């Protein structure tokens, strides 16, 4: 009887260990205001989509992590572009 209880306890422990782990909820994406996004890209309020894309391309080509820039800077530049082109 004791062997059966030990086997059942071990099976239960193994079963619990193999269960998928619960993941933490993802953080909401950061938000930028329109004026902050324009300041990051260096465009004025009258800039159209073509100017925004050109400024983004210029900044990313100079500040990309593969060219010595930082990943955080590139993330903020992409976020600024997305903010301005969405709204």
PDB file of N, CA and C in Angstrom:
ATOM      1  N   UNK A   1       0.823  -1.201   0.000  1.00  0.00           N
ATOM      2  CA  UNK A   1       0.000   0.000   0.000  1.00  0.00           C
ATOM      3  C   UNK A   1       0.868   1.267   0.000  1.00  0.00           C
ATOM      4  N   UNK A   2       1.954   1.241   0.778  1.00  0.00           N
ATOM      5  CA  UNK A   2       2.841   2.399   0.845  1.00  0.00           C
ATOM      6  C   UNK A   2       3.504   2.654  -0.507  1.00  0.00           C
ATOM      7  N   UNK A   3       3.861   1.558  -1.207  1.00  0.00           N
ATOM      8  CA  UNK A   3       4.483   1.713  -2.521  1.00  0.00           C
ATOM      9  C   UNK A   3       3.518   2.362  -3.505  1.00  0.00           C
ATOM     10  N   UNK A   4       2.269   2.009  -3.408  1.00  0.00           N
ATOM     11  CA  UNK A   4       1.255   2.583  -4.284  1.00  0.00           C
ATOM     12  C   UNK A   4       1.085   4.080  -4.012  1.00  0.00           C
ATOM     13  N   UNK A   5       1.076   4.486  -2.757  1.00  0.00           N
ATOM     14  CA  UNK A   5       0.963   5.912  -2.411  1.00  0.00           C
ATOM     15  C   UNK A   5       2.185   6.694  -2.876  1.00  0.00           C
ATOM     16  N   UNK A   6       3.369   6.115  -2.722  1.00  0.00           N
ATOM     17  CA  UNK A   6       4.602   6.781  -3.175  1.00  0.00           C
ATOM     18  C   UNK A   6       4.588   6.928  -4.695  1.00  0.00           C
ATOM     19  N   UNK A   7       4.177   5.878  -5.401  1.00  0.00           N
ATOM     20  CA  UNK A   7       4.104   5.939  -6.861  1.00  0.00           C
ATOM     21  C   UNK A   7       3.098   6.993  -7.311  1.00  0.00           C
ATOM     22  N   UNK A   8       1.948   7.059  -6.640  1.00  0.00           N
ATOM     23  CA  UNK A   8       0.932   8.056  -6.988  1.00  0.00           C
ATOM     24  C   UNK A   8       1.451   9.470  -6.732  1.00  0.00           C
ATOM     25  N   UNK A   9       2.149   9.668  -5.618  1.00  0.00           N
ATOM     26  CA  UNK A   9       2.708  10.987  -5.309  1.00  0.00           C
ATOM     27  C   UNK A   9       3.748  11.388  -6.345  1.00  0.00           C
ATOM     28  N   UNK A  10       4.590  10.456  -6.744  1.00  0.00           N
ATOM     29  CA  UNK A  10       5.605  10.758  -7.759  1.00  0.00           C
ATOM     30  C   UNK A  10       4.980  11.066  -9.113  1.00  0.00           C
ATOM     31  N   UNK A  11       3.943  10.317  -9.474  1.00  0.00           N
ATOM     32  CA  UNK A  11       3.242  10.611 -10.732  1.00  0.00           C
ATOM     33  C   UNK A  11       2.590  11.992 -10.705  1.00  0.00           C
ATOM     34  N   UNK A  12       1.998  12.340  -9.556  1.00  0.00           N
ATOM     35  CA  UNK A  12       1.382  13.656  -9.426  1.00  0.00           C
ATOM     36  C   UNK A  12       2.430  14.763  -9.559  1.00  0.00           C
ATOM     37  N   UNK A  13       3.573  14.593  -8.895  1.00  0.00           N
ATOM     38  CA  UNK A  13       4.649  15.592  -8.961  1.00  0.00           C
ATOM     39  C   UNK A  13       5.153  15.718 -10.396  1.00  0.00           C
ATOM     40  N   UNK A  14       5.334  14.606 -11.078  1.00  0.00           N
ATOM     41  CA  UNK A  14       5.782  14.626 -12.471  1.00  0.00           C
ATOM     42  C   UNK A  14       4.753  15.302 -13.359  1.00  0.00           C
ATOM     43  N   UNK A  15       3.471  14.984 -13.134  1.00  0.00           N
ATOM     44  CA  UNK A  15       2.411  15.594 -13.921  1.00  0.00           C
ATOM     45  C   UNK A  15       2.389  17.116 -13.742  1.00  0.00           C
ATOM     46  N   UNK A  16       2.531  17.592 -12.494  1.00  0.00           N
ATOM     47  CA  UNK A  16       2.546  19.040 -12.222  1.00  0.00           C
ATOM     48  C   UNK A  16       3.756  19.707 -12.853  1.00  0.00           C
ATOM     49  N   UNK A  17       4.890  19.034 -12.840  1.00  0.00           N
ATOM     50  CA  UNK A  17       6.119  19.593 -13.390  1.00  0.00           C
ATOM     51  C   UNK A  17       6.031  19.730 -14.904  1.00  0.00           C
ATOM     52  N   UNK A  18       5.299  18.820 -15.567  1.00  0.00           N
ATOM     53  CA  UNK A  18       5.191  18.843 -17.025  1.00  0.00           C
ATOM     54  C   UNK A  18       4.096  19.771 -17.543  1.00  0.00           C
ATOM     55  N   UNK A  19       3.285  20.320 -16.665  1.00  0.00           N
ATOM     56  CA  UNK A  19       2.230  21.231 -17.090  1.00  0.00           C
ATOM     57  C   UNK A  19       2.847  22.507 -17.672  1.00  0.00           C
ATOM     58  N   UNK A  20       2.210  23.110 -18.697  1.00  0.00           N
ATOM     59  CA  UNK A  20       2.739  24.358 -19.251  1.00  0.00           C
ATOM     60  C   UNK A  20       2.744  25.463 -18.198  1.00  0.00           C
ATOM     61  N   UNK A  21       3.795  26.247 -18.223  1.00  0.00           N
ATOM     62  CA  UNK A  21       3.937  27.337 -17.260  1.00  0.00           C
ATOM     63  C   UNK A  21       3.088  28.522 -17.697  1.00  0.00           C
ATOM     64  N   UNK A  22       2.520  29.218 -16.729  1.00  0.00           N
ATOM     65  CA  UNK A  22       1.734  30.409 -17.022  1.00  0.00           C
ATOM     66  C   UNK A  22       2.679  31.553 -17.336  1.00  0.00           C
ATOM     67  N   UNK A  23       2.369  32.273 -18.412  1.00  0.00           N
ATOM     68  CA  UNK A  23       3.201  33.405 -18.814  1.00  0.00           C
ATOM     69  C   UNK A  23       2.646  34.694 -18.229  1.00  0.00           C
ATOM     70  N   UNK A  24       3.545  35.618 -17.967  1.00  0.00           N
ATOM     71  CA  UNK A  24       3.126  36.931 -17.470  1.00  0.00           C
ATOM     72  C   UNK A  24       2.440  37.680 -18.611  1.00  0.00           C
ATOM     73  N   UNK A  25       1.448  38.483 -18.316  1.00  0.00           N
ATOM     74  CA  UNK A  25       0.776  39.237 -19.378  1.00  0.00           C
ATOM     75  C   UNK A  25       1.747  40.222 -20.029  1.00  0.00           C
ATOM     76  N   UNK A  26       1.607  40.392 -21.329  1.00  0.00           N
ATOM     77  CA  UNK A  26       2.488  41.288 -22.076  1.00  0.00           C
ATOM     78  C   UNK A  26       2.199  42.744 -21.697  1.00  0.00           C
ATOM     79  N   UNK A  27       3.249  43.529 -21.648  1.00  0.00           N
ATOM     80  CA  UNK A  27       3.091  44.949 -21.338  1.00  0.00           C
ATOM     81  C   UNK A  27       2.480  45.663 -22.543  1.00  0.00           C
ATOM     82  N   UNK A  28       1.635  46.655 -22.302  1.00  0.00           N
ATOM     83  CA  UNK A  28       1.058  47.384 -23.437  1.00  0.00           C
ATOM     84  C   UNK A  28       2.155  48.153 -24.169  1.00  0.00           C
ATOM     85  N   UNK A  29       2.009  48.326 -25.468  1.00  0.00           N
ATOM     86  CA  UNK A  29       3.042  49.040 -26.211  1.00  0.00           C
ATOM     87  C   UNK A  29       3.130  50.500 -25.754  1.00  0.00           C
ATOM     88  N   UNK A  30       4.330  51.067 -25.730  1.00  0.00           N
ATOM     89  CA  UNK A  30       4.469  52.459 -25.309  1.00  0.00           C
ATOM     90  C   UNK A  30       3.806  53.402 -26.308  1.00  0.00           C
ATOM     91  N   UNK A  31       3.387  54.527 -25.830  1.00  0.00           N
ATOM     92  CA  UNK A  31       2.715  55.525 -26.672  1.00  0.00           C
ATOM     93  C   UNK A  31       3.563  56.785 -26.747  1.00  0.00           C
ATOM     94  N   UNK A  32       3.500  57.439 -27.885  1.00  0.00           N
ATOM     95  CA  UNK A  32       4.165  58.725 -28.080  1.00  0.00           C
ATOM     96  C   UNK A  32       3.106  59.743 -28.469  1.00  0.00           C
ATOM     97  N   UNK A  33       3.293  60.966 -28.015  1.00  0.00           N
ATOM     98  CA  UNK A  33       2.441  62.040 -28.479  1.00  0.00           C
ATOM     99  C   UNK A  33       2.893  62.473 -29.861  1.00  0.00           C
ATOM    100  N   UNK A  34       2.005  63.136 -30.591  1.00  0.00           N
ATOM    101  CA  UNK A  34       2.342  63.555 -31.953  1.00  0.00           C
ATOM    102  C   UNK A  34       3.502  64.545 -31.964  1.00  0.00           C
ATOM    103  N   UNK A  35       3.523  65.476 -31.021  1.00  0.00           N
ATOM    104  CA  UNK A  35       4.608  66.467 -31.001  1.00  0.00           C
ATOM    105  C   UNK A  35       5.946  65.806 -30.672  1.00  0.00           C
ATOM    106  N   UNK A  36       5.938  64.826 -29.766  1.00  0.00           N
ATOM    107  CA  UNK A  36       7.171  64.116 -29.437  1.00  0.00           C
ATOM    108  C   UNK A  36       7.654  63.286 -30.628  1.00  0.00           C
ATOM    109  N   UNK A  37       6.719  62.664 -31.338  1.00  0.00           N
ATOM    110  CA  UNK A  37       7.084  61.873 -32.516  1.00  0.00           C
ATOM    111  C   UNK A  37       7.680  62.764 -33.601  1.00  0.00           C
ATOM    112  N   UNK A  38       7.100  63.954 -33.798  1.00  0.00           N
ATOM    113  CA  UNK A  38       7.650  64.881 -34.797  1.00  0.00           C
ATOM    114  C   UNK A  38       9.039  65.370 -34.391  1.00  0.00           C
ATOM    115  N   UNK A  39       9.248  65.575 -33.093  1.00  0.00           N
ATOM    116  CA  UNK A  39      10.562  66.008 -32.623  1.00  0.00           C
ATOM    117  C   UNK A  39      11.615  64.917 -32.833  1.00  0.00           C
ATOM    118  N   UNK A  40      11.237  63.670 -32.612  1.00  0.00           N
ATOM    119  CA  UNK A  40      12.179  62.561 -32.802  1.00  0.00           C
ATOM    120  C   UNK A  40      12.595  62.462 -34.265  1.00  0.00           C
ATOM    121  N   UNK A  41      11.617  62.567 -35.168  1.00  0.00           N
ATOM    122  CA  UNK A  41      11.930  62.447 -36.594  1.00  0.00           C
ATOM    123  C   UNK A  41      12.455  63.745 -37.194  1.00  0.00           C
ATOM    124  N   UNK A  42      12.249  64.852 -36.509  1.00  0.00           N
ATOM    125  CA  UNK A  42      12.737  66.134 -37.010  1.00  0.00           C
ATOM    126  C   UNK A  42      11.907  66.681 -38.153  1.00  0.00           C
ATOM    127  N   UNK A  43      10.602  66.446 -38.122  1.00  0.00           N
ATOM    128  CA  UNK A  43       9.716  66.972 -39.158  1.00  0.00           C
ATOM    129  C   UNK A  43       8.754  67.964 -38.520  1.00  0.00           C
ATOM    130  N   UNK A  44       8.228  68.885 -39.347  1.00  0.00           N
ATOM    131  CA  UNK A  44       7.293  69.869 -38.812  1.00  0.00           C
ATOM    132  C   UNK A  44       5.856  69.364 -38.939  1.00  0.00           C
ATOM    133  N   UNK A  45       4.919  70.174 -38.467  1.00  0.00           N
ATOM    134  CA  UNK A  45       3.515  69.765 -38.427  1.00  0.00           C
ATOM    135  C   UNK A  45       2.914  69.623 -39.824  1.00  0.00           C
ATOM    136  N   UNK A  46       3.482  70.288 -40.817  1.00  0.00           N
ATOM    137  CA  UNK A  46       2.944  70.227 -42.172  1.00  0.00           C
ATOM    138  C   UNK A  46       3.536  69.076 -42.985  1.00  0.00           C
ATOM    139  N   UNK A  47       4.381  68.267 -42.384  1.00  0.00           N
ATOM    140  CA  UNK A  47       5.030  67.175 -43.118  1.00  0.00           C
ATOM    141  C   UNK A  47       4.011  66.108 -43.501  1.00  0.00           C
ATOM    142  N   UNK A  48       4.102  65.676 -44.741  1.00  0.00           N
ATOM    143  CA  UNK A  48       3.208  64.625 -45.233  1.00  0.00           C
ATOM    144  C   UNK A  48       3.834  63.250 -45.043  1.00  0.00           C
ATOM    145  N   UNK A  49       3.119  62.222 -45.451  1.00  0.00           N
ATOM    146  CA  UNK A  49       3.622  60.854 -45.303  1.00  0.00           C
ATOM    147  C   UNK A  49       4.965  60.614 -46.003  1.00  0.00           C
ATOM    148  N   UNK A  50       5.160  61.214 -47.154  1.00  0.00           N
ATOM    149  CA  UNK A  50       6.423  61.016 -47.878  1.00  0.00           C
ATOM    150  C   UNK A  50       7.593  61.615 -47.100  1.00  0.00           C
ATOM    151  N   UNK A  51       7.392  62.796 -46.516  1.00  0.00           N
ATOM    152  CA  UNK A  51       8.459  63.425 -45.724  1.00  0.00           C
ATOM    153  C   UNK A  51       8.739  62.626 -44.448  1.00  0.00           C
ATOM    154  N   UNK A  52       7.690  62.093 -43.833  1.00  0.00           N
ATOM    155  CA  UNK A  52       7.852  61.299 -42.616  1.00  0.00           C
ATOM    156  C   UNK A  52       8.646  60.034 -42.935  1.00  0.00           C
ATOM    157  N   UNK A  53       8.292  59.372 -44.026  1.00  0.00           N
ATOM    158  CA  UNK A  53       9.015  58.150 -44.415  1.00  0.00           C
ATOM    159  C   UNK A  53      10.468  58.456 -44.757  1.00  0.00           C
ATOM    160  N   UNK A  54      10.711  59.581 -45.427  1.00  0.00           N
ATOM    161  CA  UNK A  54      12.085  59.956 -45.781  1.00  0.00           C
ATOM    162  C   UNK A  54      12.915  60.251 -44.532  1.00  0.00           C
ATOM    163  N   UNK A  55      12.335  60.949 -43.567  1.00  0.00           N
ATOM    164  CA  UNK A  55      13.047  61.251 -42.325  1.00  0.00           C
ATOM    165  C   UNK A  55      13.322  59.961 -41.557  1.00  0.00           C
ATOM    166  N   UNK A  56      12.354  59.074 -41.525  1.00  0.00           N
ATOM    167  CA  UNK A  56      12.540  57.783 -40.853  1.00  0.00           C
ATOM    168  C   UNK A  56      13.664  56.999 -41.512  1.00  0.00           C
ATOM    169  N   UNK A  57      13.644  56.916 -42.824  1.00  0.00           N
ATOM    170  CA  UNK A  57      14.670  56.168 -43.561  1.00  0.00           C
ATOM    171  C   UNK A  57      16.057  56.752 -43.299  1.00  0.00           C
ATOM    172  N   UNK A  58      16.150  58.072 -43.302  1.00  0.00           N
ATOM    173  CA  UNK A  58      17.428  58.744 -43.068  1.00  0.00           C
ATOM    174  C   UNK A  58      17.969  58.439 -41.665  1.00  0.00           C
ATOM    175  N   UNK A  59      17.100  58.532 -40.661  1.00  0.00           N
ATOM    176  CA  UNK A  59      17.535  58.292 -39.283  1.00  0.00           C
ATOM    177  C   UNK A  59      17.883  56.822 -39.033  1.00  0.00           C
ATOM    178  N   UNK A  60      17.066  55.920 -39.534  1.00  0.00           N
ATOM    179  CA  UNK A  60      17.329  54.499 -39.311  1.00  0.00           C
ATOM    180  C   UNK A  60      18.605  54.073 -40.010  1.00  0.00           C
ATOM    181  N   UNK A  61      18.856  54.602 -41.204  1.00  0.00           N
ATOM    182  CA  UNK A  61      20.085  54.213 -41.906  1.00  0.00           C
ATOM    183  C   UNK A  61      21.326  54.683 -41.151  1.00  0.00           C
ATOM    184  N   UNK A  62      21.206  55.764 -40.402  1.00  0.00           N
ATOM    185  CA  UNK A  62      22.356  56.272 -39.648  1.00  0.00           C
ATOM    186  C   UNK A  62      22.451  55.664 -38.248  1.00  0.00           C
ATOM    187  N   UNK A  63      21.314  55.318 -37.632  1.00  0.00           N
ATOM    188  CA  UNK A  63      21.307  54.907 -36.225  1.00  0.00           C
ATOM    189  C   UNK A  63      20.915  53.449 -36.006  1.00  0.00           C
ATOM    190  N   UNK A  64      20.922  52.649 -37.030  1.00  0.00           N
ATOM    191  CA  UNK A  64      20.563  51.234 -36.892  1.00  0.00           C
ATOM    192  C   UNK A  64      21.600  50.505 -36.040  1.00  0.00           C
ATOM    193  N   UNK A  65      21.185  49.530 -35.231  1.00  0.00           N
ATOM    194  CA  UNK A  65      22.138  48.795 -34.380  1.00  0.00           C
ATOM    195  C   UNK A  65      23.261  48.111 -35.167  1.00  0.00           C
ATOM    196  N   UNK A  66      22.989  47.686 -36.397  1.00  0.00           N
ATOM    197  CA  UNK A  66      24.031  47.064 -37.213  1.00  0.00           C
ATOM    198  C   UNK A  66      25.111  48.063 -37.632  1.00  0.00           C
ATOM    199  N   UNK A  67      24.785  49.352 -37.543  1.00  0.00           N
ATOM    200  CA  UNK A  67      25.748  50.392 -37.923  1.00  0.00           C
ATOM    201  C   UNK A  67      26.261  51.171 -36.724  1.00  0.00           C
ATOM    202  N   UNK A  68      26.146  50.588 -35.548  1.00  0.00           N
ATOM    203  CA  UNK A  68      26.690  51.219 -34.352  1.00  0.00           C
ATOM    204  C   UNK A  68      25.700  51.984 -33.511  1.00  0.00           C
ATOM    205  N   UNK A  69      24.442  52.054 -33.926  1.00  0.00           N
ATOM    206  CA  UNK A  69      23.418  52.728 -33.132  1.00  0.00           C
ATOM    207  C   UNK A  69      22.872  51.797 -32.064  1.00  0.00           C
ATOM    208  N   UNK A  70      21.890  52.272 -31.351  1.00  0.00           N
ATOM    209  CA  UNK A  70      21.321  51.437 -30.283  1.00  0.00           C
ATOM    210  C   UNK A  70      19.943  50.921 -30.701  1.00  0.00           C
ATOM    211  N   UNK A  71      19.575  49.785 -30.149  1.00  0.00           N
ATOM    212  CA  UNK A  71      18.276  49.186 -30.442  1.00  0.00           C
ATOM    213  C   UNK A  71      17.153  50.054 -29.881  1.00  0.00           C
ATOM    214  N   UNK A  72      17.376  50.690 -28.751  1.00  0.00           N
ATOM    215  CA  UNK A  72      16.360  51.548 -28.146  1.00  0.00           C
ATOM    216  C   UNK A  72      16.071  52.758 -29.031  1.00  0.00           C
ATOM    217  N   UNK A  73      17.111  53.360 -29.588  1.00  0.00           N
ATOM    218  CA  UNK A  73      16.918  54.506 -30.486  1.00  0.00           C
ATOM    219  C   UNK A  73      16.126  54.095 -31.718  1.00  0.00           C
ATOM    220  N   UNK A  74      16.469  52.962 -32.296  1.00  0.00           N
ATOM    221  CA  UNK A  74      15.757  52.483 -33.478  1.00  0.00           C
ATOM    222  C   UNK A  74      14.304  52.183 -33.140  1.00  0.00           C
ATOM    223  N   UNK A  75      14.057  51.626 -31.956  1.00  0.00           N
ATOM    224  CA  UNK A  75      12.684  51.342 -31.542  1.00  0.00           C
ATOM    225  C   UNK A  75      11.881  52.629 -31.430  1.00  0.00           C
ATOM    226  N   UNK A  76      12.486  53.672 -30.854  1.00  0.00           N
ATOM    227  CA  UNK A  76      11.776  54.945 -30.705  1.00  0.00           C
ATOM    228  C   UNK A  76      11.526  55.613 -32.062  1.00  0.00           C
ATOM    229  N   UNK A  77      12.474  55.492 -32.977  1.00  0.00           N
ATOM    230  CA  UNK A  77      12.291  56.066 -34.317  1.00  0.00           C
ATOM    231  C   UNK A  77      11.147  55.349 -35.031  1.00  0.00           C
ATOM    232  N   UNK A  78      11.108  54.026 -34.936  1.00  0.00           N
ATOM    233  CA  UNK A  78      10.017  53.262 -35.554  1.00  0.00           C
ATOM    234  C   UNK A  78       8.677  53.599 -34.911  1.00  0.00           C
ATOM    235  N   UNK A  79       8.662  53.769 -33.610  1.00  0.00           N
ATOM    236  CA  UNK A  79       7.432  54.124 -32.906  1.00  0.00           C
ATOM    237  C   UNK A  79       6.951  55.511 -33.329  1.00  0.00           C
ATOM    238  N   UNK A  80       7.878  56.444 -33.512  1.00  0.00           N
ATOM    239  CA  UNK A  80       7.515  57.793 -33.960  1.00  0.00           C
ATOM    240  C   UNK A  80       6.909  57.744 -35.362  1.00  0.00           C
ATOM    241  N   UNK A  81       7.515  56.972 -36.252  1.00  0.00           N
ATOM    242  CA  UNK A  81       6.973  56.837 -37.604  1.00  0.00           C
ATOM    243  C   UNK A  81       5.574  56.246 -37.570  1.00  0.00           C
ATOM    244  N   UNK A  82       5.396  55.180 -36.796  1.00  0.00           N
ATOM    245  CA  UNK A  82       4.084  54.537 -36.718  1.00  0.00           C
ATOM    246  C   UNK A  82       3.032  55.480 -36.139  1.00  0.00           C
ATOM    247  N   UNK A  83       3.420  56.263 -35.158  1.00  0.00           N
ATOM    248  CA  UNK A  83       2.492  57.217 -34.535  1.00  0.00           C
ATOM    249  C   UNK A  83       2.029  58.255 -35.547  1.00  0.00           C
ATOM    250  N   UNK A  84       2.951  58.788 -36.321  1.00  0.00           N
ATOM    251  CA  UNK A  84       2.592  59.852 -37.271  1.00  0.00           C
ATOM    252  C   UNK A  84       1.839  59.319 -38.489  1.00  0.00           C
ATOM    253  N   UNK A  85       2.165  58.144 -38.945  1.00  0.00           N
ATOM    254  CA  UNK A  85       1.497  57.622 -40.135  1.00  0.00           C
ATOM    255  C   UNK A  85       0.116  57.042 -39.814  1.00  0.00           C
ATOM    256  N   UNK A  86      -0.097  56.664 -38.560  1.00  0.00           N
ATOM    257  CA  UNK A  86      -1.397  56.144 -38.153  1.00  0.00           C
ATOM    258  C   UNK A  86      -2.423  57.259 -38.026  1.00  0.00           C
ATOM    259  N   UNK A  87      -2.001  58.388 -37.499  1.00  0.00           N
ATOM    260  CA  UNK A  87      -2.949  59.448 -37.178  1.00  0.00           C
ATOM    261  C   UNK A  87      -3.046  60.564 -38.110  1.00  0.00           C
TER     262      UNK A  87
END
